[in-house]
N, C-alpha and C. Protein backbone atom coordinates (compact mmCIF):
# COMPACT_ATOMS: atom_id res chain seq x y z
N UNK A 1 22.97 -79.63 8.28
CA UNK A 1 22.56 -78.55 9.15
C UNK A 1 21.32 -78.96 9.94
N UNK A 2 21.24 -78.42 11.13
CA UNK A 2 20.02 -78.66 11.90
C UNK A 2 19.09 -77.45 11.75
N UNK A 3 17.92 -77.52 12.37
CA UNK A 3 16.91 -76.48 12.22
C UNK A 3 17.43 -75.11 12.65
N UNK A 4 18.11 -75.04 13.78
CA UNK A 4 18.63 -73.77 14.27
C UNK A 4 19.65 -73.18 13.31
N UNK A 5 20.51 -74.01 12.77
CA UNK A 5 21.51 -73.53 11.81
C UNK A 5 20.86 -73.00 10.53
N UNK A 6 19.82 -73.68 10.08
CA UNK A 6 19.09 -73.23 8.89
C UNK A 6 18.47 -71.86 9.15
N UNK A 7 17.80 -71.72 10.29
CA UNK A 7 17.18 -70.44 10.63
C UNK A 7 18.23 -69.35 10.78
N UNK A 8 19.31 -69.66 11.48
CA UNK A 8 20.39 -68.68 11.66
C UNK A 8 20.95 -68.20 10.33
N UNK A 9 21.10 -69.10 9.39
CA UNK A 9 21.72 -68.77 8.11
C UNK A 9 20.77 -68.05 7.16
N UNK A 10 19.50 -68.43 7.13
CA UNK A 10 18.61 -67.97 6.07
C UNK A 10 17.47 -67.04 6.52
N UNK A 11 17.29 -66.83 7.81
CA UNK A 11 16.14 -66.04 8.26
C UNK A 11 16.13 -64.62 7.69
N UNK A 12 17.24 -63.90 7.79
CA UNK A 12 17.28 -62.51 7.34
C UNK A 12 16.95 -62.39 5.84
N UNK A 13 17.47 -63.31 5.06
CA UNK A 13 17.20 -63.31 3.61
C UNK A 13 15.71 -63.44 3.34
N UNK A 14 15.06 -64.35 4.04
CA UNK A 14 13.64 -64.60 3.79
C UNK A 14 12.75 -63.56 4.45
N UNK A 15 13.23 -62.97 5.52
CA UNK A 15 12.53 -61.84 6.13
C UNK A 15 12.43 -60.70 5.11
N UNK A 16 13.52 -60.43 4.41
CA UNK A 16 13.54 -59.37 3.39
C UNK A 16 12.55 -59.68 2.26
N UNK A 17 12.46 -60.95 1.87
CA UNK A 17 11.52 -61.33 0.81
C UNK A 17 10.08 -61.10 1.26
N UNK A 18 9.78 -61.41 2.51
CA UNK A 18 8.43 -61.16 3.03
C UNK A 18 8.10 -59.67 3.01
N UNK A 19 9.07 -58.85 3.40
CA UNK A 19 8.86 -57.40 3.37
C UNK A 19 8.65 -56.90 1.95
N UNK A 20 9.37 -57.47 0.98
CA UNK A 20 9.18 -57.10 -0.43
C UNK A 20 7.76 -57.42 -0.88
N UNK A 21 7.27 -58.59 -0.52
CA UNK A 21 5.91 -58.99 -0.90
C UNK A 21 4.89 -58.07 -0.24
N UNK A 22 5.08 -57.78 1.04
CA UNK A 22 4.15 -56.88 1.75
C UNK A 22 4.13 -55.50 1.09
N UNK A 23 5.30 -54.97 0.74
CA UNK A 23 5.37 -53.66 0.10
C UNK A 23 4.69 -53.69 -1.28
N UNK A 24 4.89 -54.77 -2.02
CA UNK A 24 4.26 -54.91 -3.33
C UNK A 24 2.74 -54.90 -3.18
N UNK A 25 2.21 -55.70 -2.25
CA UNK A 25 0.76 -55.75 -2.06
C UNK A 25 0.22 -54.41 -1.57
N UNK A 26 0.96 -53.71 -0.72
CA UNK A 26 0.55 -52.37 -0.29
C UNK A 26 0.43 -51.42 -1.48
N UNK A 27 1.41 -51.47 -2.39
CA UNK A 27 1.36 -50.61 -3.58
C UNK A 27 0.16 -50.97 -4.46
N UNK A 28 -0.07 -52.24 -4.65
CA UNK A 28 -1.22 -52.67 -5.46
C UNK A 28 -2.51 -52.17 -4.83
N UNK A 29 -2.65 -52.33 -3.52
CA UNK A 29 -3.87 -51.88 -2.84
C UNK A 29 -4.01 -50.36 -2.89
N UNK A 30 -2.91 -49.66 -2.72
CA UNK A 30 -2.94 -48.19 -2.69
C UNK A 30 -3.33 -47.61 -4.04
N UNK A 31 -2.81 -48.18 -5.11
CA UNK A 31 -3.03 -47.62 -6.44
C UNK A 31 -3.98 -48.45 -7.29
N UNK A 32 -4.55 -49.47 -6.71
CA UNK A 32 -5.48 -50.31 -7.45
C UNK A 32 -6.76 -49.56 -7.76
N UNK A 33 -7.40 -49.95 -8.82
CA UNK A 33 -8.64 -49.30 -9.24
C UNK A 33 -9.87 -50.10 -8.83
N UNK A 34 -9.67 -51.06 -7.95
CA UNK A 34 -10.78 -51.88 -7.51
C UNK A 34 -10.96 -53.16 -8.31
N UNK A 35 -10.34 -53.21 -9.49
CA UNK A 35 -10.45 -54.42 -10.30
C UNK A 35 -9.56 -55.51 -9.75
N UNK A 36 -10.02 -56.74 -9.84
CA UNK A 36 -9.25 -57.88 -9.39
C UNK A 36 -8.31 -58.34 -10.51
N UNK A 37 -7.09 -58.64 -10.16
CA UNK A 37 -6.12 -59.15 -11.12
C UNK A 37 -5.84 -60.61 -10.75
N UNK A 38 -5.93 -61.50 -11.72
CA UNK A 38 -5.76 -62.93 -11.44
C UNK A 38 -4.40 -63.25 -10.84
N UNK A 39 -3.38 -62.46 -11.16
CA UNK A 39 -2.05 -62.72 -10.62
C UNK A 39 -2.00 -62.41 -9.13
N UNK A 40 -2.68 -61.34 -8.73
CA UNK A 40 -2.72 -60.99 -7.30
C UNK A 40 -3.55 -62.03 -6.55
N UNK A 41 -4.64 -62.47 -7.14
CA UNK A 41 -5.46 -63.51 -6.51
C UNK A 41 -4.65 -64.80 -6.36
N UNK A 42 -3.85 -65.13 -7.37
CA UNK A 42 -3.00 -66.32 -7.28
C UNK A 42 -1.97 -66.16 -6.17
N UNK A 43 -1.39 -64.96 -6.06
CA UNK A 43 -0.41 -64.71 -5.01
C UNK A 43 -1.06 -64.85 -3.63
N UNK A 44 -2.26 -64.32 -3.48
CA UNK A 44 -2.96 -64.44 -2.19
C UNK A 44 -3.26 -65.91 -1.85
N UNK A 45 -3.61 -66.70 -2.86
CA UNK A 45 -3.84 -68.13 -2.63
C UNK A 45 -2.55 -68.81 -2.20
N UNK A 46 -1.44 -68.42 -2.80
CA UNK A 46 -0.14 -68.99 -2.42
C UNK A 46 0.25 -68.60 -1.00
N UNK A 47 -0.05 -67.37 -0.63
CA UNK A 47 0.25 -66.92 0.74
C UNK A 47 -0.55 -67.75 1.74
N UNK A 48 -1.79 -68.04 1.42
CA UNK A 48 -2.59 -68.90 2.30
C UNK A 48 -1.94 -70.28 2.43
N UNK A 49 -1.41 -70.79 1.33
CA UNK A 49 -0.75 -72.10 1.36
C UNK A 49 0.51 -72.05 2.21
N UNK A 50 1.20 -70.91 2.22
CA UNK A 50 2.40 -70.77 3.05
C UNK A 50 2.09 -70.97 4.53
N UNK A 51 0.87 -70.66 4.93
CA UNK A 51 0.48 -70.78 6.34
C UNK A 51 0.28 -72.23 6.77
N UNK A 52 0.22 -73.14 5.81
CA UNK A 52 0.06 -74.56 6.12
C UNK A 52 1.30 -75.07 6.87
N UNK A 53 1.08 -76.01 7.75
CA UNK A 53 2.21 -76.63 8.44
C UNK A 53 2.55 -78.00 7.84
N UNK A 54 1.81 -78.39 6.81
CA UNK A 54 2.06 -79.68 6.16
C UNK A 54 3.22 -79.57 5.18
N UNK A 55 4.02 -80.60 5.11
CA UNK A 55 5.13 -80.65 4.15
C UNK A 55 4.57 -80.62 2.73
N UNK A 56 5.35 -80.13 1.80
CA UNK A 56 4.94 -80.11 0.40
C UNK A 56 4.40 -78.77 -0.06
N UNK A 57 4.63 -77.72 0.72
CA UNK A 57 4.13 -76.39 0.35
C UNK A 57 4.66 -75.95 -1.02
N UNK A 58 5.93 -76.20 -1.28
CA UNK A 58 6.52 -75.76 -2.55
C UNK A 58 5.79 -76.37 -3.74
N UNK A 59 5.54 -77.65 -3.68
CA UNK A 59 4.84 -78.33 -4.78
C UNK A 59 3.42 -77.79 -4.93
N UNK A 60 2.72 -77.61 -3.81
CA UNK A 60 1.34 -77.13 -3.89
C UNK A 60 1.28 -75.71 -4.45
N UNK A 61 2.23 -74.87 -4.07
CA UNK A 61 2.26 -73.50 -4.60
C UNK A 61 2.60 -73.52 -6.09
N UNK A 62 3.56 -74.33 -6.48
CA UNK A 62 3.90 -74.44 -7.89
C UNK A 62 2.68 -74.87 -8.71
N UNK A 63 1.91 -75.81 -8.18
CA UNK A 63 0.71 -76.27 -8.88
C UNK A 63 -0.34 -75.17 -8.96
N UNK A 64 -0.46 -74.36 -7.90
CA UNK A 64 -1.40 -73.24 -7.92
C UNK A 64 -1.06 -72.24 -9.03
N UNK A 65 0.22 -72.10 -9.33
CA UNK A 65 0.67 -71.12 -10.32
C UNK A 65 0.84 -71.71 -11.72
N UNK A 66 0.63 -73.01 -11.87
CA UNK A 66 0.91 -73.70 -13.13
C UNK A 66 -0.35 -74.02 -13.91
N UNK A 67 -0.24 -73.94 -15.20
CA UNK A 67 -1.31 -74.35 -16.11
C UNK A 67 -1.35 -75.87 -16.12
N UNK A 68 -2.45 -76.44 -15.71
CA UNK A 68 -2.57 -77.90 -15.61
C UNK A 68 -3.16 -78.54 -16.87
N UNK A 69 -3.49 -77.71 -17.87
CA UNK A 69 -4.07 -78.29 -19.08
C UNK A 69 -3.01 -79.08 -19.85
N UNK A 70 -3.47 -80.09 -20.55
CA UNK A 70 -2.55 -80.94 -21.31
C UNK A 70 -2.63 -80.67 -22.80
N UNK A 71 -3.64 -79.93 -23.23
CA UNK A 71 -3.80 -79.62 -24.64
C UNK A 71 -3.21 -78.25 -24.93
N UNK A 72 -2.29 -78.16 -25.89
CA UNK A 72 -1.69 -76.86 -26.21
C UNK A 72 -2.73 -75.89 -26.78
N UNK A 73 -2.53 -74.60 -26.52
CA UNK A 73 -3.42 -73.60 -27.09
C UNK A 73 -3.02 -73.35 -28.54
N UNK A 74 -3.99 -72.85 -29.33
CA UNK A 74 -3.71 -72.61 -30.75
C UNK A 74 -2.70 -71.50 -30.94
N UNK A 75 -2.90 -70.38 -30.25
CA UNK A 75 -1.91 -69.30 -30.31
C UNK A 75 -1.95 -68.52 -29.00
N UNK A 76 -0.82 -67.97 -28.66
CA UNK A 76 -0.70 -67.23 -27.40
C UNK A 76 -1.07 -65.78 -27.63
N UNK A 77 -1.75 -65.19 -26.65
CA UNK A 77 -2.13 -63.80 -26.75
C UNK A 77 -0.99 -62.85 -26.44
N UNK A 78 0.06 -63.36 -25.81
CA UNK A 78 1.21 -62.53 -25.47
C UNK A 78 2.49 -63.29 -25.81
N UNK A 79 3.61 -62.58 -25.76
CA UNK A 79 4.89 -63.22 -26.04
C UNK A 79 5.52 -63.83 -24.80
N UNK A 80 5.08 -63.40 -23.62
CA UNK A 80 5.70 -63.87 -22.39
C UNK A 80 4.70 -64.54 -21.47
N UNK A 81 5.23 -65.16 -20.45
CA UNK A 81 4.39 -65.81 -19.45
C UNK A 81 3.91 -64.78 -18.44
N UNK A 82 2.76 -65.04 -17.83
CA UNK A 82 2.21 -64.11 -16.84
C UNK A 82 2.58 -64.52 -15.42
N UNK A 83 3.04 -65.73 -15.23
CA UNK A 83 3.45 -66.19 -13.91
C UNK A 83 2.34 -66.84 -13.11
N UNK A 84 1.13 -66.77 -13.63
CA UNK A 84 -0.03 -67.40 -12.99
C UNK A 84 -1.01 -67.76 -14.10
N UNK A 85 -1.94 -68.61 -13.78
CA UNK A 85 -2.89 -69.07 -14.80
C UNK A 85 -4.07 -68.11 -14.87
N UNK A 86 -4.32 -67.51 -16.05
CA UNK A 86 -5.48 -66.64 -16.20
C UNK A 86 -6.77 -67.42 -15.97
N UNK A 87 -7.83 -66.77 -15.52
CA UNK A 87 -9.07 -67.49 -15.19
C UNK A 87 -9.74 -68.16 -16.38
N UNK A 88 -9.41 -67.80 -17.60
CA UNK A 88 -10.03 -68.43 -18.77
C UNK A 88 -9.48 -69.81 -19.04
N UNK A 89 -8.43 -70.20 -18.31
CA UNK A 89 -7.80 -71.50 -18.56
C UNK A 89 -8.43 -72.55 -17.69
């Protein structure tokens, strides 16, 4: 596929994803209590990375959201992943 074919095929799908993210952030801002959440801060950092024109955005965003430590923690505070690295890491 060429660039035009890619845009023709996938633009609407990704437009919808952008609108979902915008609506999510609007809800967070509307009902937020003023406290900062590390997951929202991570999302905002990823959005800034999306604005880059350099290749490799996917890898850089994945690294922004990934725990880079090599030493395992003794025990987890939760049963599930949070999707972003808490600031204590």
